């Protein structure tokens, strides 16, 4: 009996060790395979696996195969996914206050974004943790422009478009309403086929996302004016994170921070390359008249209070606006 008990104890030790030793993180993203995002994601996954001695493996569901970002967040909550690499739309479904960083015409450059996001990093990470998620690494989508099949030089031109509106994007929905634009609500996976069929004839996105998702093949023009600096991040559920031992958690976070630094640098360079490639393919950049930019800024300013408190608090918005003002005043 002692021998049997000893054998069972040894078996339990090894099988229990194996169960704890390896964790496969299932992570969804809209980024298509072959894109700059996925190249970076796979490099990160390889480093994490190596540096944890195989305790963590990462399996990606790329190109929207797990659905739109609302689907990814829902599946994380159900335990069907362990994490997701999402834009601010997906992040906003977890913690809507993060959307302040994407308010139209608020943050105008990467430098401003870095300053504000770095100052708020600990605060935002705590907000996600309180919702049951661990933010591993920030990412960029890039400067958001409007792409269309007719040149846009005024608010009146916008009104003539069948312009895509992301179903879950409260900021764009409110801005379109303020501008008198009738957006066509669709999920990201539906944009390309809708451009192909003519259901829509305009969309918005960064140069890199528009190239990677092949939307550029169905549009001819891009506004020089950008509406916002679109962001994203990779998150995993706190429940999954807490299954890892302390040393593995530390390694994952260290690798993720290194990944973040490389990713931001890579994506910013790739956005420039993407725009060059699309121009070579025939895309024309339409210079946005000063009066159009001014009108956009005025209308964008008008929606900020309308999104309170459903999307974000007044205090948090004011904190972000002060940081932007401080940066512009040179208080770095």
C-alpha atoms as a PDB file:
ATOM      1  CA  UNK A   1       0.000   0.000   0.000  1.00  0.00           C
ATOM      2  CA  UNK A   2       2.896   2.335   0.819  1.00  0.00           C
ATOM      3  CA  UNK A   3       4.411   1.640  -2.602  1.00  0.00           C
ATOM      4  CA  UNK A   4       1.098   2.375  -4.344  1.00  0.00           C
ATOM      5  CA  UNK A   5       0.681   5.592  -2.361  1.00  0.00           C
ATOM      6  CA  UNK A   6       4.234   6.624  -3.214  1.00  0.00           C
ATOM      7  CA  UNK A   7       3.688   5.855  -6.895  1.00  0.00           C
ATOM      8  CA  UNK A   8       0.484   7.869  -6.949  1.00  0.00           C
ATOM      9  CA  UNK A   9       2.197  10.753  -5.187  1.00  0.00           C
ATOM     10  CA  UNK A  10       5.045  10.747  -7.716  1.00  0.00           C
ATOM     11  CA  UNK A  11       2.591  10.491 -10.621  1.00  0.00           C
ATOM     12  CA  UNK A  12       0.551  13.355  -9.164  1.00  0.00           C
ATOM     13  CA  UNK A  13       3.676  15.462  -8.715  1.00  0.00           C
ATOM     14  CA  UNK A  14       4.777  15.068 -12.329  1.00  0.00           C
ATOM     15  CA  UNK A  15       1.350  15.389 -13.942  1.00  0.00           C
ATOM     16  CA  UNK A  16       0.507  18.337 -11.736  1.00  0.00           C
ATOM     17  CA  UNK A  17       3.840  19.886 -12.656  1.00  0.00           C
ATOM     18  CA  UNK A  18       3.168  19.401 -16.349  1.00  0.00           C
ATOM     19  CA  UNK A  19      -0.284  20.988 -16.039  1.00  0.00           C
ATOM     20  CA  UNK A  20       1.188  24.003 -14.310  1.00  0.00           C
ATOM     21  CA  UNK A  21       4.319  24.160 -16.441  1.00  0.00           C
ATOM     22  CA  UNK A  22       2.712  25.073 -19.724  1.00  0.00           C
ATOM     23  CA  UNK A  23       0.026  27.619 -20.525  1.00  0.00           C
ATOM     24  CA  UNK A  24      -1.199  28.271 -24.052  1.00  0.00           C
ATOM     25  CA  UNK A  25      -2.539  31.788 -24.400  1.00  0.00           C
ATOM     26  CA  UNK A  26      -5.178  32.041 -27.101  1.00  0.00           C
ATOM     27  CA  UNK A  27      -5.062  35.606 -28.422  1.00  0.00           C
ATOM     28  CA  UNK A  28      -7.350  37.077 -31.086  1.00  0.00           C
ATOM     29  CA  UNK A  29      -6.707  40.064 -33.346  1.00  0.00           C
ATOM     30  CA  UNK A  30      -8.096  41.707 -36.461  1.00  0.00           C
ATOM     31  CA  UNK A  31      -4.553  42.102 -37.810  1.00  0.00           C
ATOM     32  CA  UNK A  32      -4.093  39.856 -40.850  1.00  0.00           C
ATOM     33  CA  UNK A  33      -1.238  37.377 -41.136  1.00  0.00           C
ATOM     34  CA  UNK A  34       1.697  38.919 -42.961  1.00  0.00           C
ATOM     35  CA  UNK A  35       0.978  42.407 -41.625  1.00  0.00           C
ATOM     36  CA  UNK A  36       3.534  44.379 -39.600  1.00  0.00           C
ATOM     37  CA  UNK A  37       1.473  43.696 -36.485  1.00  0.00           C
ATOM     38  CA  UNK A  38       1.539  39.922 -36.922  1.00  0.00           C
ATOM     39  CA  UNK A  39       5.251  39.826 -37.754  1.00  0.00           C
ATOM     40  CA  UNK A  40       5.889  41.630 -34.458  1.00  0.00           C
ATOM     41  CA  UNK A  41       3.378  39.490 -32.551  1.00  0.00           C
ATOM     42  CA  UNK A  42       5.045  36.263 -33.687  1.00  0.00           C
ATOM     43  CA  UNK A  43       8.473  37.580 -32.658  1.00  0.00           C
ATOM     44  CA  UNK A  44       7.075  38.454 -29.230  1.00  0.00           C
ATOM     45  CA  UNK A  45       5.466  35.023 -28.883  1.00  0.00           C
ATOM     46  CA  UNK A  46       8.745  33.319 -29.759  1.00  0.00           C
ATOM     47  CA  UNK A  47      10.646  35.355 -27.167  1.00  0.00           C
ATOM     48  CA  UNK A  48       8.045  34.675 -24.483  1.00  0.00           C
ATOM     49  CA  UNK A  49       8.177  30.931 -25.127  1.00  0.00           C
ATOM     50  CA  UNK A  50      11.986  30.876 -25.065  1.00  0.00           C
ATOM     51  CA  UNK A  51      12.396  33.097 -22.019  1.00  0.00           C
ATOM     52  CA  UNK A  52       9.820  31.167 -19.970  1.00  0.00           C
ATOM     53  CA  UNK A  53      11.372  27.840 -20.885  1.00  0.00           C
ATOM     54  CA  UNK A  54       8.238  26.811 -22.746  1.00  0.00           C
ATOM     55  CA  UNK A  55       5.916  27.574 -19.838  1.00  0.00           C
ATOM     56  CA  UNK A  56       3.969  29.974 -22.064  1.00  0.00           C
ATOM     57  CA  UNK A  57       2.996  29.353 -25.653  1.00  0.00           C
ATOM     58  CA  UNK A  58       0.921  31.850 -27.618  1.00  0.00           C
ATOM     59  CA  UNK A  59      -1.601  30.879 -30.266  1.00  0.00           C
ATOM     60  CA  UNK A  60      -2.977  33.706 -32.411  1.00  0.00           C
ATOM     61  CA  UNK A  61      -6.350  33.883 -34.112  1.00  0.00           C
ATOM     62  CA  UNK A  62      -5.484  36.516 -36.715  1.00  0.00           C
ATOM     63  CA  UNK A  63      -7.417  38.357 -39.398  1.00  0.00           C
ATOM     64  CA  UNK A  64     -10.693  38.470 -37.491  1.00  0.00           C
ATOM     65  CA  UNK A  65     -11.103  34.680 -37.477  1.00  0.00           C
ATOM     66  CA  UNK A  66     -12.452  35.000 -33.924  1.00  0.00           C
ATOM     67  CA  UNK A  67     -14.848  37.738 -35.027  1.00  0.00           C
ATOM     68  CA  UNK A  68     -14.860  41.499 -34.582  1.00  0.00           C
ATOM     69  CA  UNK A  69     -13.420  43.064 -31.440  1.00  0.00           C
ATOM     70  CA  UNK A  70     -16.739  42.888 -29.600  1.00  0.00           C
ATOM     71  CA  UNK A  71     -16.663  39.118 -30.222  1.00  0.00           C
ATOM     72  CA  UNK A  72     -13.084  38.903 -28.917  1.00  0.00           C
ATOM     73  CA  UNK A  73     -13.974  40.726 -25.690  1.00  0.00           C
ATOM     74  CA  UNK A  74     -17.074  38.577 -25.208  1.00  0.00           C
ATOM     75  CA  UNK A  75     -15.029  35.403 -25.728  1.00  0.00           C
ATOM     76  CA  UNK A  76     -12.445  36.563 -23.182  1.00  0.00           C
ATOM     77  CA  UNK A  77     -15.221  37.051 -20.650  1.00  0.00           C
ATOM     78  CA  UNK A  78     -16.520  33.556 -21.388  1.00  0.00           C
ATOM     79  CA  UNK A  79     -13.038  32.043 -21.100  1.00  0.00           C
ATOM     80  CA  UNK A  80     -12.978  30.979 -24.757  1.00  0.00           C
ATOM     81  CA  UNK A  81     -10.024  33.315 -25.381  1.00  0.00           C
ATOM     82  CA  UNK A  82      -7.261  34.258 -22.956  1.00  0.00           C
ATOM     83  CA  UNK A  83      -6.426  37.566 -24.540  1.00  0.00           C
ATOM     84  CA  UNK A  84      -6.662  39.883 -27.519  1.00  0.00           C
ATOM     85  CA  UNK A  85      -4.600  42.435 -29.407  1.00  0.00           C
ATOM     86  CA  UNK A  86      -7.208  45.098 -30.086  1.00  0.00           C
ATOM     87  CA  UNK A  87      -7.636  48.685 -31.146  1.00  0.00           C
ATOM     88  CA  UNK A  88      -9.069  51.288 -28.785  1.00  0.00           C
ATOM     89  CA  UNK A  89     -12.534  50.083 -29.829  1.00  0.00           C
ATOM     90  CA  UNK A  90     -11.929  46.731 -28.143  1.00  0.00           C
ATOM     91  CA  UNK A  91     -10.126  48.375 -25.248  1.00  0.00           C
ATOM     92  CA  UNK A  92     -13.084  50.700 -24.843  1.00  0.00           C
ATOM     93  CA  UNK A  93     -15.434  47.742 -24.475  1.00  0.00           C
ATOM     94  CA  UNK A  94     -13.394  46.805 -21.397  1.00  0.00           C
ATOM     95  CA  UNK A  95     -12.578  50.268 -20.060  1.00  0.00           C
ATOM     96  CA  UNK A  96     -14.251  53.025 -22.036  1.00  0.00           C
ATOM     97  CA  UNK A  97     -12.192  55.855 -20.509  1.00  0.00           C
ATOM     98  CA  UNK A  98      -9.238  54.862 -22.684  1.00  0.00           C
ATOM     99  CA  UNK A  99     -11.154  56.371 -25.619  1.00  0.00           C
ATOM    100  CA  UNK A 100     -10.239  59.869 -24.393  1.00  0.00           C
ATOM    101  CA  UNK A 101      -6.845  59.289 -26.025  1.00  0.00           C
ATOM    102  CA  UNK A 102      -8.594  59.036 -29.396  1.00  0.00           C
ATOM    103  CA  UNK A 103     -10.903  62.021 -29.144  1.00  0.00           C
ATOM    104  CA  UNK A 104     -11.013  63.592 -32.637  1.00  0.00           C
ATOM    105  CA  UNK A 105      -8.586  66.461 -33.156  1.00  0.00           C
ATOM    106  CA  UNK A 106      -7.181  66.241 -29.593  1.00  0.00           C
ATOM    107  CA  UNK A 107      -3.811  64.481 -29.872  1.00  0.00           C
ATOM    108  CA  UNK A 108      -2.046  65.523 -33.057  1.00  0.00           C
ATOM    109  CA  UNK A 109       1.278  63.688 -33.093  1.00  0.00           C
ATOM    110  CA  UNK A 110       3.148  60.619 -31.912  1.00  0.00           C
ATOM    111  CA  UNK A 111       5.159  62.800 -29.524  1.00  0.00           C
ATOM    112  CA  UNK A 112       1.986  64.105 -27.888  1.00  0.00           C
ATOM    113  CA  UNK A 113       0.575  60.592 -27.691  1.00  0.00           C
ATOM    114  CA  UNK A 114       3.739  59.204 -26.092  1.00  0.00           C
ATOM    115  CA  UNK A 115       3.817  62.002 -23.531  1.00  0.00           C
ATOM    116  CA  UNK A 116       0.167  61.598 -22.519  1.00  0.00           C
ATOM    117  CA  UNK A 117       0.149  57.801 -22.571  1.00  0.00           C
ATOM    118  CA  UNK A 118       3.367  57.546 -20.547  1.00  0.00           C
ATOM    119  CA  UNK A 119       2.012  59.912 -17.916  1.00  0.00           C
ATOM    120  CA  UNK A 120      -1.218  57.909 -17.650  1.00  0.00           C
ATOM    121  CA  UNK A 121       0.275  54.428 -18.066  1.00  0.00           C
ATOM    122  CA  UNK A 122      -0.013  53.284 -14.440  1.00  0.00           C
ATOM    123  CA  UNK A 123      -3.473  54.826 -14.098  1.00  0.00           C
ATOM    124  CA  UNK A 124      -4.797  53.129 -17.234  1.00  0.00           C
ATOM    125  CA  UNK A 125      -3.240  49.770 -16.362  1.00  0.00           C
ATOM    126  CA  UNK A 126      -4.970  49.939 -12.972  1.00  0.00           C
ATOM    127  CA  UNK A 127      -8.301  50.693 -14.679  1.00  0.00           C
ATOM    128  CA  UNK A 128      -7.942  47.558 -16.827  1.00  0.00           C
ATOM    129  CA  UNK A 129      -6.877  45.465 -13.841  1.00  0.00           C
ATOM    130  CA  UNK A 130      -9.983  46.602 -11.980  1.00  0.00           C
ATOM    131  CA  UNK A 131     -12.030  45.254 -14.906  1.00  0.00           C
ATOM    132  CA  UNK A 132     -10.277  41.880 -14.757  1.00  0.00           C
ATOM    133  CA  UNK A 133      -7.583  42.329 -17.401  1.00  0.00           C
ATOM    134  CA  UNK A 134      -3.817  42.779 -17.520  1.00  0.00           C
ATOM    135  CA  UNK A 135      -2.511  45.194 -20.147  1.00  0.00           C
ATOM    136  CA  UNK A 136       0.665  43.640 -21.523  1.00  0.00           C
ATOM    137  CA  UNK A 137       1.741  46.152 -24.153  1.00  0.00           C
ATOM    138  CA  UNK A 138       0.508  49.299 -25.862  1.00  0.00           C
ATOM    139  CA  UNK A 139       0.446  49.447 -29.637  1.00  0.00           C
ATOM    140  CA  UNK A 140      -0.314  51.953 -32.362  1.00  0.00           C
ATOM    141  CA  UNK A 141      -2.699  51.855 -35.281  1.00  0.00           C
ATOM    142  CA  UNK A 142      -1.539  55.236 -36.557  1.00  0.00           C
ATOM    143  CA  UNK A 143      -2.955  58.567 -37.752  1.00  0.00           C
ATOM    144  CA  UNK A 144      -6.550  58.170 -38.932  1.00  0.00           C
ATOM    145  CA  UNK A 145      -7.456  59.663 -42.330  1.00  0.00           C
ATOM    146  CA  UNK A 146     -10.607  59.459 -44.440  1.00  0.00           C
ATOM    147  CA  UNK A 147     -10.340  57.377 -47.624  1.00  0.00           C
ATOM    148  CA  UNK A 148     -12.903  57.790 -50.389  1.00  0.00           C
ATOM    149  CA  UNK A 149     -13.669  57.489 -54.094  1.00  0.00           C
ATOM    150  CA  UNK A 150     -14.290  61.219 -54.501  1.00  0.00           C
ATOM    151  CA  UNK A 151     -12.092  64.061 -53.184  1.00  0.00           C
ATOM    152  CA  UNK A 152     -13.127  65.494 -49.809  1.00  0.00           C
ATOM    153  CA  UNK A 153     -12.517  69.202 -49.431  1.00  0.00           C
ATOM    154  CA  UNK A 154     -15.470  70.298 -47.316  1.00  0.00           C
ATOM    155  CA  UNK A 155     -18.204  69.223 -44.924  1.00  0.00           C
ATOM    156  CA  UNK A 156     -20.595  69.224 -47.898  1.00  0.00           C
ATOM    157  CA  UNK A 157     -18.395  66.637 -49.668  1.00  0.00           C
ATOM    158  CA  UNK A 158     -18.598  64.405 -46.602  1.00  0.00           C
ATOM    159  CA  UNK A 159     -22.388  64.551 -46.628  1.00  0.00           C
ATOM    160  CA  UNK A 160     -22.436  62.985 -50.107  1.00  0.00           C
ATOM    161  CA  UNK A 161     -20.534  59.893 -49.033  1.00  0.00           C
ATOM    162  CA  UNK A 162     -21.652  56.466 -47.931  1.00  0.00           C
ATOM    163  CA  UNK A 163     -19.079  56.426 -45.149  1.00  0.00           C
ATOM    164  CA  UNK A 164     -18.343  53.412 -42.998  1.00  0.00           C
ATOM    165  CA  UNK A 165     -18.956  53.803 -39.256  1.00  0.00           C
ATOM    166  CA  UNK A 166     -17.576  51.113 -36.960  1.00  0.00           C
ATOM    167  CA  UNK A 167     -20.528  49.700 -35.044  1.00  0.00           C
ATOM    168  CA  UNK A 168     -18.821  50.006 -31.664  1.00  0.00           C
ATOM    169  CA  UNK A 169     -17.158  53.400 -32.193  1.00  0.00           C
ATOM    170  CA  UNK A 170     -19.106  55.866 -30.037  1.00  0.00           C
ATOM    171  CA  UNK A 171     -16.662  58.695 -30.801  1.00  0.00           C
ATOM    172  CA  UNK A 172     -17.031  58.489 -34.564  1.00  0.00           C
ATOM    173  CA  UNK A 173     -20.773  57.972 -34.285  1.00  0.00           C
ATOM    174  CA  UNK A 174     -21.102  61.192 -32.279  1.00  0.00           C
ATOM    175  CA  UNK A 175     -18.744  63.094 -34.591  1.00  0.00           C
ATOM    176  CA  UNK A 176     -20.663  61.990 -37.682  1.00  0.00           C
ATOM    177  CA  UNK A 177     -23.901  63.098 -36.048  1.00  0.00           C
ATOM    178  CA  UNK A 178     -22.356  66.470 -35.224  1.00  0.00           C
ATOM    179  CA  UNK A 179     -21.150  66.846 -38.828  1.00  0.00           C
ATOM    180  CA  UNK A 180     -24.452  65.683 -40.305  1.00  0.00           C
ATOM    181  CA  UNK A 181     -22.843  62.636 -41.879  1.00  0.00           C
ATOM    182  CA  UNK A 182     -24.882  59.446 -42.252  1.00  0.00           C
ATOM    183  CA  UNK A 183     -22.476  56.653 -41.462  1.00  0.00           C
ATOM    184  CA  UNK A 184     -23.111  53.051 -42.500  1.00  0.00           C
ATOM    185  CA  UNK A 185     -22.592  50.874 -39.390  1.00  0.00           C
ATOM    186  CA  UNK A 186     -20.480  47.795 -40.074  1.00  0.00           C
ATOM    187  CA  UNK A 187     -17.927  45.599 -38.330  1.00  0.00           C
ATOM    188  CA  UNK A 188     -14.343  45.665 -39.601  1.00  0.00           C
ATOM    189  CA  UNK A 189     -14.577  42.290 -41.430  1.00  0.00           C
ATOM    190  CA  UNK A 190     -17.504  43.704 -43.455  1.00  0.00           C
ATOM    191  CA  UNK A 191     -15.730  46.819 -44.734  1.00  0.00           C
ATOM    192  CA  UNK A 192     -13.866  45.348 -47.719  1.00  0.00           C
ATOM    193  CA  UNK A 193     -16.841  43.412 -49.145  1.00  0.00           C
ATOM    194  CA  UNK A 194     -19.016  46.505 -48.623  1.00  0.00           C
ATOM    195  CA  UNK A 195     -16.529  48.643 -50.559  1.00  0.00           C
ATOM    196  CA  UNK A 196     -16.565  46.009 -53.293  1.00  0.00           C
ATOM    197  CA  UNK A 197     -20.357  45.963 -53.583  1.00  0.00           C
ATOM    198  CA  UNK A 198     -20.799  49.728 -53.252  1.00  0.00           C
ATOM    199  CA  UNK A 199     -22.686  49.569 -49.969  1.00  0.00           C
ATOM    200  CA  UNK A 200     -20.088  52.117 -48.831  1.00  0.00           C
ATOM    201  CA  UNK A 201     -17.708  54.253 -50.874  1.00  0.00           C
ATOM    202  CA  UNK A 202     -15.570  55.688 -48.088  1.00  0.00           C
ATOM    203  CA  UNK A 203     -13.870  54.531 -44.895  1.00  0.00           C
ATOM    204  CA  UNK A 204     -11.376  55.755 -42.333  1.00  0.00           C
ATOM    205  CA  UNK A 205      -8.205  54.292 -40.910  1.00  0.00           C
ATOM    206  CA  UNK A 206      -4.462  54.650 -40.701  1.00  0.00           C
ATOM    207  CA  UNK A 207      -2.349  54.147 -43.841  1.00  0.00           C
ATOM    208  CA  UNK A 208      -1.025  50.856 -42.467  1.00  0.00           C
ATOM    209  CA  UNK A 209      -4.421  49.425 -41.515  1.00  0.00           C
ATOM    210  CA  UNK A 210      -5.932  50.514 -44.839  1.00  0.00           C
ATOM    211  CA  UNK A 211      -3.113  48.778 -46.704  1.00  0.00           C
ATOM    212  CA  UNK A 212      -3.082  45.632 -44.553  1.00  0.00           C
ATOM    213  CA  UNK A 213      -6.854  45.164 -44.800  1.00  0.00           C
ATOM    214  CA  UNK A 214      -6.767  45.803 -48.563  1.00  0.00           C
ATOM    215  CA  UNK A 215      -9.281  48.645 -48.347  1.00  0.00           C
ATOM    216  CA  UNK A 216      -6.965  50.847 -50.398  1.00  0.00           C
ATOM    217  CA  UNK A 217      -7.720  48.728 -53.473  1.00  0.00           C
ATOM    218  CA  UNK A 218     -11.280  50.094 -53.503  1.00  0.00           C
ATOM    219  CA  UNK A 219     -10.633  53.805 -52.816  1.00  0.00           C
ATOM    220  CA  UNK A 220      -8.876  56.576 -54.723  1.00  0.00           C
ATOM    221  CA  UNK A 221      -8.374  59.485 -52.328  1.00  0.00           C
ATOM    222  CA  UNK A 222      -7.142  60.209 -48.806  1.00  0.00           C
ATOM    223  CA  UNK A 223      -7.507  63.420 -46.807  1.00  0.00           C
ATOM    224  CA  UNK A 224      -4.223  64.990 -45.701  1.00  0.00           C
ATOM    225  CA  UNK A 225      -5.992  65.895 -42.455  1.00  0.00           C
ATOM    226  CA  UNK A 226      -5.955  63.152 -39.867  1.00  0.00           C
ATOM    227  CA  UNK A 227      -8.759  62.883 -37.334  1.00  0.00           C
ATOM    228  CA  UNK A 228      -6.934  61.237 -34.451  1.00  0.00           C
ATOM    229  CA  UNK A 229      -4.020  59.045 -33.405  1.00  0.00           C
ATOM    230  CA  UNK A 230      -5.489  55.553 -33.184  1.00  0.00           C
ATOM    231  CA  UNK A 231      -4.101  53.259 -30.514  1.00  0.00           C
ATOM    232  CA  UNK A 232      -4.345  49.664 -29.425  1.00  0.00           C
ATOM    233  CA  UNK A 233      -2.985  47.235 -26.857  1.00  0.00           C
ATOM    234  CA  UNK A 234      -2.533  43.567 -26.082  1.00  0.00           C
ATOM    235  CA  UNK A 235      -4.410  42.354 -23.012  1.00  0.00           C
ATOM    236  CA  UNK A 236      -4.994  39.037 -21.278  1.00  0.00           C
ATOM    237  CA  UNK A 237      -7.506  38.160 -18.625  1.00  0.00           C
ATOM    238  CA  UNK A 238      -6.358  38.651 -15.040  1.00  0.00           C
ATOM    239  CA  UNK A 239      -7.651  35.152 -14.301  1.00  0.00           C
ATOM    240  CA  UNK A 240      -5.238  33.660 -16.837  1.00  0.00           C
ATOM    241  CA  UNK A 241      -2.348  35.871 -15.704  1.00  0.00           C
ATOM    242  CA  UNK A 242      -2.777  34.795 -12.099  1.00  0.00           C
ATOM    243  CA  UNK A 243      -2.432  31.128 -13.077  1.00  0.00           C
ATOM    244  CA  UNK A 244       1.235  31.839 -13.804  1.00  0.00           C
ATOM    245  CA  UNK A 245       3.879  31.698 -11.096  1.00  0.00           C
ATOM    246  CA  UNK A 246       5.527  34.981 -10.070  1.00  0.00           C
ATOM    247  CA  UNK A 247       8.717  34.424 -12.063  1.00  0.00           C
ATOM    248  CA  UNK A 248       6.779  33.621 -15.235  1.00  0.00           C
ATOM    249  CA  UNK A 249       4.540  36.659 -14.760  1.00  0.00           C
ATOM    250  CA  UNK A 250       7.639  38.852 -14.465  1.00  0.00           C
ATOM    251  CA  UNK A 251       9.190  37.368 -17.600  1.00  0.00           C
ATOM    252  CA  UNK A 252       5.973  37.836 -19.565  1.00  0.00           C
ATOM    253  CA  UNK A 253       5.717  41.480 -18.500  1.00  0.00           C
ATOM    254  CA  UNK A 254       9.395  42.168 -19.244  1.00  0.00           C
ATOM    255  CA  UNK A 255       9.114  40.627 -22.709  1.00  0.00           C
ATOM    256  CA  UNK A 256       5.894  42.553 -23.322  1.00  0.00           C
ATOM    257  CA  UNK A 257       7.490  45.884 -22.422  1.00  0.00           C
ATOM    258  CA  UNK A 258      10.386  45.150 -24.765  1.00  0.00           C
ATOM    259  CA  UNK A 259       7.849  44.154 -27.423  1.00  0.00           C
ATOM    260  CA  UNK A 260       5.958  47.424 -26.873  1.00  0.00           C
ATOM    261  CA  UNK A 261       9.036  49.574 -27.511  1.00  0.00           C
ATOM    262  CA  UNK A 262       9.903  47.708 -30.715  1.00  0.00           C
ATOM    263  CA  UNK A 263       6.292  47.563 -31.911  1.00  0.00           C
ATOM    264  CA  UNK A 264       5.685  51.302 -31.625  1.00  0.00           C
ATOM    265  CA  UNK A 265       8.876  52.062 -33.538  1.00  0.00           C
ATOM    266  CA  UNK A 266       8.080  49.478 -36.210  1.00  0.00           C
ATOM    267  CA  UNK A 267       4.448  50.502 -36.741  1.00  0.00           C
ATOM    268  CA  UNK A 268       5.293  54.175 -37.100  1.00  0.00           C
ATOM    269  CA  UNK A 269       7.851  53.405 -39.778  1.00  0.00           C
ATOM    270  CA  UNK A 270       5.443  50.991 -41.467  1.00  0.00           C
ATOM    271  CA  UNK A 271       2.701  53.636 -41.609  1.00  0.00           C
ATOM    272  CA  UNK A 272       5.054  55.841 -43.631  1.00  0.00           C
ATOM    273  CA  UNK A 273       5.933  52.948 -45.930  1.00  0.00           C
ATOM    274  CA  UNK A 274       2.271  52.036 -46.337  1.00  0.00           C
ATOM    275  CA  UNK A 275       1.381  55.531 -47.495  1.00  0.00           C
ATOM    276  CA  UNK A 276       4.238  55.485 -49.995  1.00  0.00           C
ATOM    277  CA  UNK A 277       3.072  52.104 -51.329  1.00  0.00           C
ATOM    278  CA  UNK A 278      -0.535  53.248 -51.715  1.00  0.00           C
ATOM    279  CA  UNK A 279       0.545  56.402 -53.525  1.00  0.00           C
ATOM    280  CA  UNK A 280       2.575  54.259 -55.911  1.00  0.00           C
ATOM    281  CA  UNK A 281      -0.556  52.161 -56.474  1.00  0.00           C
ATOM    282  CA  UNK A 282      -2.522  55.268 -57.489  1.00  0.00           C
ATOM    283  CA  UNK A 283      -3.908  56.716 -54.253  1.00  0.00           C
ATOM    284  CA  UNK A 284      -4.083  60.531 -54.305  1.00  0.00           C
ATOM    285  CA  UNK A 285      -3.660  62.594 -51.131  1.00  0.00           C
ATOM    286  CA  UNK A 286      -6.081  65.517 -51.146  1.00  0.00           C
ATOM    287  CA  UNK A 287      -4.854  68.579 -49.289  1.00  0.00           C
ATOM    288  CA  UNK A 288      -7.466  69.444 -46.679  1.00  0.00           C
ATOM    289  CA  UNK A 289      -8.344  73.176 -46.860  1.00  0.00           C
ATOM    290  CA  UNK A 290      -7.645  75.149 -43.633  1.00  0.00           C
ATOM    291  CA  UNK A 291     -11.332  76.015 -43.287  1.00  0.00           C
ATOM    292  CA  UNK A 292     -12.248  72.305 -43.374  1.00  0.00           C
ATOM    293  CA  UNK A 293      -9.659  71.476 -40.706  1.00  0.00           C
ATOM    294  CA  UNK A 294     -10.907  74.353 -38.560  1.00  0.00           C
ATOM    295  CA  UNK A 295     -14.518  73.216 -38.910  1.00  0.00           C
ATOM    296  CA  UNK A 296     -13.576  69.638 -37.983  1.00  0.00           C
ATOM    297  CA  UNK A 297     -11.753  70.922 -34.899  1.00  0.00           C
ATOM    298  CA  UNK A 298     -14.779  72.985 -33.860  1.00  0.00           C
ATOM    299  CA  UNK A 299     -17.220  70.117 -34.348  1.00  0.00           C
ATOM    300  CA  UNK A 300     -14.863  67.692 -32.593  1.00  0.00           C
ATOM    301  CA  UNK A 301     -14.618  70.013 -29.606  1.00  0.00           C
ATOM    302  CA  UNK A 302     -18.423  70.150 -29.413  1.00  0.00           C
ATOM    303  CA  UNK A 303     -18.814  66.382 -28.934  1.00  0.00           C
ATOM    304  CA  UNK A 304     -16.479  66.081 -25.957  1.00  0.00           C
ATOM    305  CA  UNK A 305     -19.060  66.958 -23.315  1.00  0.00           C
ATOM    306  CA  UNK A 306     -21.693  64.859 -25.087  1.00  0.00           C
ATOM    307  CA  UNK A 307     -19.678  61.711 -24.401  1.00  0.00           C
ATOM    308  CA  UNK A 308     -19.680  62.375 -20.666  1.00  0.00           C
ATOM    309  CA  UNK A 309     -20.248  60.409 -18.498  1.00  0.00           C
ATOM    310  CA  UNK A 310     -21.279  57.447 -20.676  1.00  0.00           C
ATOM    311  CA  UNK A 311     -17.856  56.994 -22.304  1.00  0.00           C
ATOM    312  CA  UNK A 312     -15.525  58.783 -19.900  1.00  0.00           C
ATOM    313  CA  UNK A 313     -15.632  61.061 -16.885  1.00  0.00           C
ATOM    314  CA  UNK A 314     -15.241  64.806 -17.131  1.00  0.00           C
ATOM    315  CA  UNK A 315     -12.302  64.696 -14.717  1.00  0.00           C
ATOM    316  CA  UNK A 316     -10.401  62.138 -16.778  1.00  0.00           C
ATOM    317  CA  UNK A 317     -10.937  64.087 -19.995  1.00  0.00           C
ATOM    318  CA  UNK A 318      -9.685  67.255 -18.344  1.00  0.00           C
ATOM    319  CA  UNK A 319      -6.618  65.395 -17.103  1.00  0.00           C
ATOM    320  CA  UNK A 320      -5.791  64.315 -20.661  1.00  0.00           C
ATOM    321  CA  UNK A 321      -6.458  67.762 -22.110  1.00  0.00           C
ATOM    322  CA  UNK A 322      -4.173  69.321 -19.477  1.00  0.00           C
ATOM    323  CA  UNK A 323      -1.394  66.904 -20.357  1.00  0.00           C
ATOM    324  CA  UNK A 324      -1.706  67.800 -24.040  1.00  0.00           C
ATOM    325  CA  UNK A 325      -1.626  71.496 -23.134  1.00  0.00           C
ATOM    326  CA  UNK A 326       1.391  70.948 -20.888  1.00  0.00           C
ATOM    327  CA  UNK A 327       3.254  69.174 -23.665  1.00  0.00           C
ATOM    328  CA  UNK A 328       2.521  71.959 -26.126  1.00  0.00           C
ATOM    329  CA  UNK A 329       3.634  74.532 -23.568  1.00  0.00           C
ATOM    330  CA  UNK A 330       6.940  72.704 -23.261  1.00  0.00           C
ATOM    331  CA  UNK A 331       6.353  71.303 -19.784  1.00  0.00           C
ATOM    332  CA  UNK A 332       7.890  67.939 -20.550  1.00  0.00           C
END
